[in-house]
Amino acid sequence: MSASPVKRFVLKVILWLPLCFAVWYYMKGVIGLPTFFLVDGIMSHWLPAFIKDIEFQGHLLNVVLQFAPPPEIKVPEGQKAELVFSVNSLVYGYSIPLYTALILATPDTEKAKWIHWITGFIILVLAQSWGVSFDRCQPWRAKRRLVDPSSREAALLTRRAHSARGEAK
């Protein structure tokens, strides 16, 4: 008695998933490039006075924001403040290996699989770029406050920023 087509498909997907996730994780620098170029192109042209630079490091996109400091902070004339935050693009891209495993398990011709995969990859990169672009844009949760540089809170925030970028403490 032969297994049903659905059972065979599910088994193939389960067998392809570990390999697809391993390739996706170890190739994160290459797979993340389309997202980086798209986010860099759109955000840098959309908000050129606010976004100074977007850097790509493996799977992290480091966004450098520049703005005039609040009047409460004394800074030299003409100097601007910079804020750097990192966005983990892998959080928004886990659908790529899942989609790849589904395509590989589909009983179709190689040409059709490639066409479907490329089309889906483009759509998933667009969705990933959307998530990465608006990861920190949560105005309903934003709080404006000043942190004393010598406080414990400043040290904690610094440690969190370094650990998010994978730097040593």
N, C-alpha and C. Protein backbone atom coordinates (compact mmCIF):
# COMPACT_ATOMS: atom_id res chain seq x y z
N MET A 1 0.84 -1.18 0.00
CA MET A 1 0.00 0.00 0.00
C MET A 1 0.88 1.24 0.00
N SER A 2 0.65 2.12 -0.92
CA SER A 2 1.48 3.31 -1.07
C SER A 2 0.95 4.46 -0.21
N ALA A 3 1.86 5.29 0.23
CA ALA A 3 1.48 6.46 1.05
C ALA A 3 0.76 7.48 0.18
N SER A 4 -0.13 8.22 0.81
CA SER A 4 -0.88 9.24 0.06
C SER A 4 0.06 10.36 -0.39
N PRO A 5 -0.30 11.09 -1.44
CA PRO A 5 0.55 12.18 -1.92
C PRO A 5 0.78 13.26 -0.87
N VAL A 6 -0.22 13.50 -0.04
CA VAL A 6 -0.07 14.52 1.01
C VAL A 6 0.97 14.08 2.03
N LYS A 7 0.93 12.81 2.42
CA LYS A 7 1.91 12.30 3.38
C LYS A 7 3.32 12.36 2.80
N ARG A 8 3.47 11.99 1.53
CA ARG A 8 4.78 12.06 0.88
C ARG A 8 5.27 13.51 0.83
N PHE A 9 4.38 14.44 0.51
CA PHE A 9 4.75 15.86 0.45
C PHE A 9 5.20 16.36 1.82
N VAL A 10 4.44 16.06 2.85
CA VAL A 10 4.78 16.49 4.21
C VAL A 10 6.12 15.89 4.64
N LEU A 11 6.35 14.63 4.32
CA LEU A 11 7.63 13.99 4.66
C LEU A 11 8.79 14.67 3.94
N LYS A 12 8.61 14.97 2.66
CA LYS A 12 9.66 15.67 1.91
C LYS A 12 9.95 17.04 2.50
N VAL A 13 8.90 17.77 2.87
CA VAL A 13 9.08 19.09 3.47
C VAL A 13 9.87 18.97 4.77
N ILE A 14 9.50 18.02 5.60
CA ILE A 14 10.19 17.81 6.88
C ILE A 14 11.66 17.46 6.65
N LEU A 15 11.94 16.68 5.62
CA LEU A 15 13.33 16.32 5.31
C LEU A 15 14.11 17.51 4.74
N TRP A 16 13.47 18.37 3.96
CA TRP A 16 14.16 19.52 3.37
C TRP A 16 14.37 20.67 4.36
N LEU A 17 13.50 20.81 5.36
CA LEU A 17 13.56 21.96 6.27
C LEU A 17 14.92 22.15 6.96
N PRO A 18 15.51 21.13 7.59
CA PRO A 18 16.79 21.36 8.26
C PRO A 18 17.88 21.84 7.31
N LEU A 19 17.94 21.26 6.13
CA LEU A 19 18.95 21.68 5.15
C LEU A 19 18.71 23.12 4.70
N CYS A 20 17.46 23.45 4.42
CA CYS A 20 17.14 24.81 3.97
C CYS A 20 17.45 25.84 5.05
N PHE A 21 17.12 25.54 6.30
CA PHE A 21 17.42 26.48 7.38
C PHE A 21 18.92 26.60 7.61
N ALA A 22 19.65 25.50 7.48
CA ALA A 22 21.11 25.56 7.65
C ALA A 22 21.75 26.42 6.56
N VAL A 23 21.35 26.21 5.31
CA VAL A 23 21.89 27.01 4.21
C VAL A 23 21.52 28.47 4.40
N TRP A 24 20.28 28.74 4.77
CA TRP A 24 19.81 30.12 4.99
C TRP A 24 20.63 30.79 6.09
N TYR A 25 20.87 30.09 7.19
CA TYR A 25 21.61 30.70 8.30
C TYR A 25 23.07 30.96 7.94
N TYR A 26 23.73 29.99 7.32
CA TYR A 26 25.14 30.16 7.00
C TYR A 26 25.37 31.07 5.80
N MET A 27 24.36 31.28 4.99
CA MET A 27 24.47 32.19 3.84
C MET A 27 23.76 33.52 4.12
N LYS A 28 23.56 33.85 5.40
CA LYS A 28 22.79 35.04 5.77
C LYS A 28 23.35 36.32 5.18
N GLY A 29 24.65 36.39 5.00
CA GLY A 29 25.25 37.60 4.42
C GLY A 29 24.87 37.79 2.96
N VAL A 30 24.80 36.70 2.22
CA VAL A 30 24.45 36.78 0.80
C VAL A 30 22.94 36.93 0.63
N ILE A 31 22.17 36.15 1.39
CA ILE A 31 20.72 36.19 1.26
C ILE A 31 20.17 37.52 1.75
N GLY A 32 20.85 38.18 2.68
CA GLY A 32 20.39 39.46 3.19
C GLY A 32 20.72 40.66 2.32
N LEU A 33 21.57 40.47 1.32
CA LEU A 33 21.96 41.60 0.46
C LEU A 33 20.79 42.26 -0.27
N PRO A 34 19.86 41.51 -0.88
CA PRO A 34 18.75 42.20 -1.54
C PRO A 34 17.94 43.07 -0.58
N THR A 35 17.74 42.58 0.64
CA THR A 35 17.01 43.36 1.64
C THR A 35 17.78 44.62 1.99
N PHE A 36 19.09 44.49 2.17
CA PHE A 36 19.92 45.66 2.49
C PHE A 36 19.84 46.71 1.39
N PHE A 37 20.02 46.29 0.13
CA PHE A 37 20.00 47.26 -0.97
C PHE A 37 18.65 47.95 -1.08
N LEU A 38 17.59 47.19 -0.89
CA LEU A 38 16.25 47.76 -0.97
C LEU A 38 15.99 48.74 0.17
N VAL A 39 16.31 48.34 1.40
CA VAL A 39 16.09 49.21 2.56
C VAL A 39 16.98 50.45 2.46
N ASP A 40 18.24 50.27 2.09
CA ASP A 40 19.16 51.40 1.97
C ASP A 40 18.68 52.38 0.90
N GLY A 41 18.28 51.87 -0.24
CA GLY A 41 17.82 52.74 -1.31
C GLY A 41 16.57 53.51 -0.96
N ILE A 42 15.60 52.83 -0.37
CA ILE A 42 14.33 53.49 -0.06
C ILE A 42 14.47 54.44 1.12
N MET A 43 15.03 53.96 2.23
CA MET A 43 15.07 54.79 3.44
C MET A 43 16.03 55.97 3.29
N SER A 44 17.15 55.78 2.61
CA SER A 44 18.10 56.89 2.46
C SER A 44 17.55 58.00 1.57
N HIS A 45 16.72 57.63 0.59
CA HIS A 45 16.12 58.65 -0.28
C HIS A 45 14.83 59.22 0.28
N TRP A 46 14.15 58.44 1.11
CA TRP A 46 12.90 58.88 1.69
C TRP A 46 13.15 59.86 2.83
N LEU A 47 14.15 59.60 3.65
CA LEU A 47 14.46 60.44 4.81
C LEU A 47 15.94 60.83 4.81
N PRO A 48 16.42 61.56 3.79
CA PRO A 48 17.86 61.84 3.71
C PRO A 48 18.37 62.75 4.83
N ALA A 49 17.51 63.61 5.36
CA ALA A 49 17.97 64.50 6.43
C ALA A 49 18.03 63.77 7.77
N PHE A 50 17.37 62.66 7.88
CA PHE A 50 17.28 61.94 9.16
C PHE A 50 18.18 60.71 9.19
N ILE A 51 18.26 59.96 8.11
CA ILE A 51 19.08 58.76 8.06
C ILE A 51 20.41 59.09 7.41
N LYS A 52 21.46 58.99 8.22
CA LYS A 52 22.80 59.32 7.72
C LYS A 52 23.39 58.16 6.93
N ASP A 53 23.22 56.94 7.44
CA ASP A 53 23.84 55.79 6.78
C ASP A 53 23.14 54.51 7.23
N ILE A 54 23.18 53.51 6.38
CA ILE A 54 22.73 52.16 6.73
C ILE A 54 23.86 51.22 6.37
N GLU A 55 24.34 50.49 7.37
CA GLU A 55 25.46 49.58 7.18
C GLU A 55 24.97 48.14 7.26
N PHE A 56 25.59 47.27 6.49
CA PHE A 56 25.22 45.86 6.48
C PHE A 56 26.36 45.04 7.04
N GLN A 57 26.09 44.29 8.10
CA GLN A 57 27.10 43.44 8.72
C GLN A 57 26.50 42.06 8.94
N GLY A 58 26.73 41.17 8.00
CA GLY A 58 26.18 39.82 8.11
C GLY A 58 24.68 39.83 7.95
N HIS A 59 23.98 39.70 9.06
CA HIS A 59 22.52 39.74 9.03
C HIS A 59 21.97 40.99 9.72
N LEU A 60 22.86 41.81 10.27
CA LEU A 60 22.44 43.04 10.96
C LEU A 60 22.48 44.24 10.04
N LEU A 61 21.45 45.03 10.09
CA LEU A 61 21.45 46.32 9.40
C LEU A 61 21.58 47.38 10.48
N ASN A 62 22.68 48.10 10.48
CA ASN A 62 22.91 49.17 11.44
C ASN A 62 22.48 50.48 10.81
N VAL A 63 21.50 51.10 11.41
CA VAL A 63 20.95 52.34 10.89
C VAL A 63 21.50 53.49 11.73
N VAL A 64 22.12 54.46 11.07
CA VAL A 64 22.68 55.63 11.76
C VAL A 64 21.75 56.81 11.50
N LEU A 65 21.11 57.27 12.55
CA LEU A 65 20.22 58.42 12.46
C LEU A 65 20.96 59.66 12.93
N GLN A 66 20.68 60.79 12.30
CA GLN A 66 21.27 62.05 12.76
C GLN A 66 20.15 63.05 12.98
N PHE A 67 20.28 63.83 14.03
CA PHE A 67 19.26 64.82 14.36
C PHE A 67 19.86 65.89 15.24
N ALA A 68 19.19 67.02 15.29
CA ALA A 68 19.65 68.10 16.16
C ALA A 68 19.32 67.69 17.59
N PRO A 69 20.27 67.85 18.52
CA PRO A 69 20.01 67.45 19.89
C PRO A 69 18.96 68.36 20.54
N PRO A 70 18.25 67.85 21.54
CA PRO A 70 17.26 68.68 22.23
C PRO A 70 17.95 69.87 22.90
N PRO A 71 17.22 70.96 23.11
CA PRO A 71 17.84 72.16 23.70
C PRO A 71 18.34 71.96 25.12
N GLU A 72 17.86 70.93 25.82
CA GLU A 72 18.31 70.69 27.21
C GLU A 72 19.76 70.21 27.27
N ILE A 73 20.25 69.66 26.16
CA ILE A 73 21.61 69.12 26.13
C ILE A 73 22.54 70.16 25.53
N LYS A 74 23.60 70.44 26.24
CA LYS A 74 24.60 71.43 25.78
C LYS A 74 25.61 70.73 24.89
N VAL A 75 25.65 71.16 23.63
CA VAL A 75 26.62 70.62 22.67
C VAL A 75 27.24 71.79 21.92
N PRO A 76 28.41 71.59 21.35
CA PRO A 76 29.01 72.65 20.55
C PRO A 76 28.11 73.06 19.39
N GLU A 77 28.21 74.30 19.00
CA GLU A 77 27.37 74.86 17.94
C GLU A 77 27.53 74.07 16.63
N GLY A 78 26.42 73.76 15.99
CA GLY A 78 26.43 73.09 14.71
C GLY A 78 26.60 71.58 14.77
N GLN A 79 26.82 71.02 15.94
CA GLN A 79 27.02 69.59 16.06
C GLN A 79 25.67 68.87 16.08
N LYS A 80 25.60 67.71 15.46
CA LYS A 80 24.38 66.92 15.44
C LYS A 80 24.58 65.65 16.24
N ALA A 81 23.50 65.15 16.78
CA ALA A 81 23.54 63.90 17.53
C ALA A 81 23.35 62.74 16.56
N GLU A 82 23.95 61.61 16.89
CA GLU A 82 23.78 60.41 16.09
C GLU A 82 23.28 59.28 16.98
N LEU A 83 22.37 58.52 16.43
CA LEU A 83 21.82 57.38 17.14
C LEU A 83 21.96 56.18 16.21
N VAL A 84 22.57 55.11 16.71
CA VAL A 84 22.76 53.90 15.91
C VAL A 84 21.94 52.79 16.53
N PHE A 85 21.15 52.12 15.71
CA PHE A 85 20.47 50.93 16.19
C PHE A 85 20.58 49.84 15.14
N SER A 86 20.53 48.62 15.62
CA SER A 86 20.69 47.45 14.74
C SER A 86 19.36 46.73 14.59
N VAL A 87 19.12 46.25 13.39
CA VAL A 87 17.93 45.45 13.11
C VAL A 87 18.40 44.09 12.60
N ASN A 88 17.91 43.04 13.23
CA ASN A 88 18.25 41.68 12.83
C ASN A 88 17.33 41.27 11.68
N SER A 89 17.87 41.21 10.48
CA SER A 89 17.05 40.90 9.31
C SER A 89 16.59 39.44 9.28
N LEU A 90 17.25 38.57 10.05
CA LEU A 90 16.84 37.16 10.09
C LEU A 90 15.46 36.99 10.71
N VAL A 91 15.10 37.89 11.61
CA VAL A 91 13.79 37.81 12.25
C VAL A 91 12.67 37.90 11.21
N TYR A 92 12.89 38.69 10.18
CA TYR A 92 11.87 38.90 9.16
C TYR A 92 12.07 38.00 7.94
N GLY A 93 13.10 37.19 7.93
CA GLY A 93 13.40 36.39 6.74
C GLY A 93 13.30 34.90 6.92
N TYR A 94 12.76 34.42 8.04
CA TYR A 94 12.70 32.98 8.26
C TYR A 94 11.75 32.29 7.29
N SER A 95 10.90 33.06 6.61
CA SER A 95 9.97 32.45 5.65
C SER A 95 10.69 31.98 4.39
N ILE A 96 11.88 32.50 4.12
CA ILE A 96 12.62 32.11 2.90
C ILE A 96 13.00 30.63 2.93
N PRO A 97 13.61 30.10 4.00
CA PRO A 97 13.92 28.66 3.98
C PRO A 97 12.66 27.79 4.06
N LEU A 98 11.65 28.26 4.74
CA LEU A 98 10.40 27.50 4.79
C LEU A 98 9.79 27.41 3.39
N TYR A 99 9.74 28.53 2.69
CA TYR A 99 9.20 28.54 1.33
C TYR A 99 10.06 27.67 0.39
N THR A 100 11.38 27.73 0.57
CA THR A 100 12.27 26.93 -0.26
C THR A 100 12.02 25.44 -0.05
N ALA A 101 11.84 25.02 1.20
CA ALA A 101 11.56 23.61 1.47
C ALA A 101 10.23 23.19 0.84
N LEU A 102 9.24 24.05 0.89
CA LEU A 102 7.96 23.73 0.26
C LEU A 102 8.09 23.59 -1.25
N ILE A 103 8.86 24.49 -1.86
CA ILE A 103 9.07 24.42 -3.31
C ILE A 103 9.84 23.15 -3.69
N LEU A 104 10.88 22.82 -2.92
CA LEU A 104 11.67 21.63 -3.23
C LEU A 104 10.86 20.34 -3.09
N ALA A 105 9.90 20.33 -2.19
CA ALA A 105 9.09 19.13 -1.97
C ALA A 105 7.94 19.01 -2.96
N THR A 106 7.68 20.06 -3.69
CA THR A 106 6.57 20.04 -4.66
C THR A 106 6.92 19.16 -5.85
N PRO A 107 5.99 18.28 -6.25
CA PRO A 107 6.26 17.45 -7.43
C PRO A 107 5.99 18.26 -8.71
N ASP A 108 7.01 18.90 -9.20
CA ASP A 108 6.88 19.75 -10.38
C ASP A 108 8.20 19.68 -11.15
N THR A 109 8.23 20.26 -12.32
CA THR A 109 9.47 20.26 -13.10
C THR A 109 10.46 21.24 -12.49
N GLU A 110 11.73 21.04 -12.81
CA GLU A 110 12.77 21.93 -12.27
C GLU A 110 12.55 23.37 -12.72
N LYS A 111 12.19 23.56 -13.97
CA LYS A 111 11.96 24.90 -14.49
C LYS A 111 10.83 25.59 -13.73
N ALA A 112 9.75 24.89 -13.50
CA ALA A 112 8.62 25.46 -12.76
C ALA A 112 9.01 25.78 -11.32
N LYS A 113 9.80 24.88 -10.72
CA LYS A 113 10.26 25.14 -9.34
C LYS A 113 11.09 26.41 -9.28
N TRP A 114 12.00 26.60 -10.25
CA TRP A 114 12.84 27.81 -10.26
C TRP A 114 12.00 29.07 -10.45
N ILE A 115 11.05 29.00 -11.36
CA ILE A 115 10.19 30.17 -11.60
C ILE A 115 9.39 30.51 -10.34
N HIS A 116 8.81 29.50 -9.72
CA HIS A 116 8.04 29.74 -8.49
C HIS A 116 8.93 30.24 -7.36
N TRP A 117 10.13 29.67 -7.24
CA TRP A 117 11.01 30.08 -6.15
C TRP A 117 11.46 31.53 -6.33
N ILE A 118 11.86 31.91 -7.53
CA ILE A 118 12.33 33.28 -7.77
C ILE A 118 11.19 34.27 -7.53
N THR A 119 10.00 33.96 -8.01
CA THR A 119 8.85 34.84 -7.79
C THR A 119 8.56 34.97 -6.30
N GLY A 120 8.53 33.86 -5.59
CA GLY A 120 8.29 33.90 -4.15
C GLY A 120 9.39 34.60 -3.39
N PHE A 121 10.65 34.39 -3.81
CA PHE A 121 11.78 35.04 -3.15
C PHE A 121 11.66 36.56 -3.26
N ILE A 122 11.28 37.05 -4.41
CA ILE A 122 11.12 38.50 -4.59
C ILE A 122 10.03 39.03 -3.67
N ILE A 123 8.92 38.32 -3.59
CA ILE A 123 7.83 38.75 -2.71
C ILE A 123 8.26 38.71 -1.25
N LEU A 124 8.98 37.66 -0.85
CA LEU A 124 9.42 37.54 0.54
C LEU A 124 10.48 38.58 0.89
N VAL A 125 11.34 38.95 -0.06
CA VAL A 125 12.33 40.00 0.19
C VAL A 125 11.61 41.35 0.38
N LEU A 126 10.59 41.59 -0.40
CA LEU A 126 9.81 42.83 -0.22
C LEU A 126 9.16 42.86 1.16
N ALA A 127 8.60 41.75 1.59
CA ALA A 127 7.99 41.69 2.92
C ALA A 127 9.05 41.84 4.01
N GLN A 128 10.21 41.22 3.82
CA GLN A 128 11.30 41.34 4.79
C GLN A 128 11.80 42.78 4.86
N SER A 129 11.91 43.43 3.73
CA SER A 129 12.35 44.82 3.69
C SER A 129 11.37 45.73 4.41
N TRP A 130 10.09 45.47 4.24
CA TRP A 130 9.07 46.24 4.94
C TRP A 130 9.26 46.10 6.46
N GLY A 131 9.42 44.88 6.94
CA GLY A 131 9.60 44.65 8.36
C GLY A 131 10.86 45.28 8.91
N VAL A 132 11.96 45.15 8.18
CA VAL A 132 13.23 45.73 8.61
C VAL A 132 13.13 47.26 8.63
N SER A 133 12.48 47.84 7.63
CA SER A 133 12.38 49.29 7.53
C SER A 133 11.60 49.90 8.69
N PHE A 134 10.58 49.22 9.12
CA PHE A 134 9.71 49.79 10.15
C PHE A 134 9.84 49.08 11.48
N ASP A 135 10.96 48.40 11.70
CA ASP A 135 11.19 47.68 12.95
C ASP A 135 11.19 48.61 14.15
N ARG A 136 11.84 49.73 14.05
CA ARG A 136 11.94 50.66 15.18
C ARG A 136 10.94 51.80 15.11
N CYS A 137 10.10 51.84 14.10
CA CYS A 137 9.12 52.91 13.95
C CYS A 137 7.84 52.55 14.69
N GLN A 138 7.89 52.67 15.98
CA GLN A 138 6.72 52.37 16.80
C GLN A 138 6.41 53.59 17.65
N PRO A 139 5.79 54.62 17.07
CA PRO A 139 5.58 55.86 17.80
C PRO A 139 4.71 55.72 19.03
N TRP A 140 3.83 54.71 19.05
CA TRP A 140 2.97 54.54 20.20
C TRP A 140 3.74 54.01 21.40
N ARG A 141 4.96 53.50 21.19
CA ARG A 141 5.77 52.99 22.29
C ARG A 141 6.97 53.88 22.59
N ALA A 142 7.18 54.90 21.77
CA ALA A 142 8.37 55.75 21.93
C ALA A 142 8.22 56.63 23.16
N LYS A 143 9.33 56.79 23.85
CA LYS A 143 9.37 57.67 25.02
C LYS A 143 10.55 58.61 24.86
N ARG A 144 10.32 59.86 25.08
CA ARG A 144 11.41 60.82 24.99
C ARG A 144 11.91 61.09 26.40
N ARG A 145 13.16 60.82 26.63
CA ARG A 145 13.73 61.03 27.95
C ARG A 145 15.23 61.24 27.83
N LEU A 146 15.77 61.85 28.82
CA LEU A 146 17.20 62.08 28.88
C LEU A 146 17.81 61.06 29.84
N VAL A 147 18.94 60.53 29.47
CA VAL A 147 19.64 59.57 30.31
C VAL A 147 20.98 60.18 30.69
N ASP A 148 21.25 60.20 31.99
CA ASP A 148 22.53 60.71 32.47
C ASP A 148 23.62 59.72 32.05
N PRO A 149 24.67 60.19 31.34
CA PRO A 149 25.71 59.28 30.85
C PRO A 149 26.42 58.49 31.94
N SER A 150 26.41 58.98 33.17
CA SER A 150 27.12 58.28 34.25
C SER A 150 26.18 57.36 35.04
N SER A 151 24.93 57.23 34.63
CA SER A 151 23.97 56.43 35.38
C SER A 151 24.09 54.95 35.04
N ARG A 152 23.47 54.12 35.90
CA ARG A 152 23.43 52.68 35.66
C ARG A 152 22.59 52.37 34.42
N GLU A 153 21.56 53.18 34.19
CA GLU A 153 20.71 52.96 33.02
C GLU A 153 21.49 53.16 31.73
N ALA A 154 22.37 54.16 31.69
CA ALA A 154 23.18 54.39 30.50
C ALA A 154 24.13 53.21 30.26
N ALA A 155 24.71 52.69 31.34
CA ALA A 155 25.60 51.53 31.21
C ALA A 155 24.83 50.32 30.69
N LEU A 156 23.62 50.12 31.19
CA LEU A 156 22.80 49.00 30.74
C LEU A 156 22.43 49.15 29.27
N LEU A 157 22.03 50.35 28.87
CA LEU A 157 21.69 50.59 27.47
C LEU A 157 22.89 50.37 26.56
N THR A 158 24.07 50.78 27.01
CA THR A 158 25.29 50.58 26.23
C THR A 158 25.59 49.10 26.07
N ARG A 159 25.46 48.34 27.17
CA ARG A 159 25.70 46.89 27.10
C ARG A 159 24.70 46.22 26.15
N ARG A 160 23.45 46.63 26.20
CA ARG A 160 22.45 46.05 25.31
C ARG A 160 22.78 46.36 23.85
N ALA A 161 23.21 47.58 23.58
CA ALA A 161 23.54 47.96 22.20
C ALA A 161 24.73 47.15 21.69
N HIS A 162 25.76 46.98 22.55
CA HIS A 162 26.93 46.20 22.14
C HIS A 162 26.58 44.74 21.94
N SER A 163 25.74 44.16 22.82
CA SER A 163 25.39 42.75 22.66
C SER A 163 24.50 42.55 21.43
N ALA A 164 23.68 43.52 21.08
CA ALA A 164 22.85 43.41 19.87
C ALA A 164 23.69 43.40 18.63
N ARG A 165 24.82 44.09 18.67
CA ARG A 165 25.73 44.11 17.52
C ARG A 165 26.76 42.99 17.56
N GLY A 166 26.77 42.21 18.65
CA GLY A 166 27.68 41.09 18.75
C GLY A 166 29.08 41.49 19.19
N GLU A 167 29.22 42.67 19.79
CA GLU A 167 30.53 43.14 20.25
C GLU A 167 30.80 42.64 21.65
N ALA A 168 32.04 42.57 22.02
CA ALA A 168 32.43 42.19 23.37
C ALA A 168 32.12 43.32 24.33
N LYS A 169 31.84 42.94 25.57
CA LYS A 169 31.51 43.96 26.58
C LYS A 169 32.74 44.59 27.15
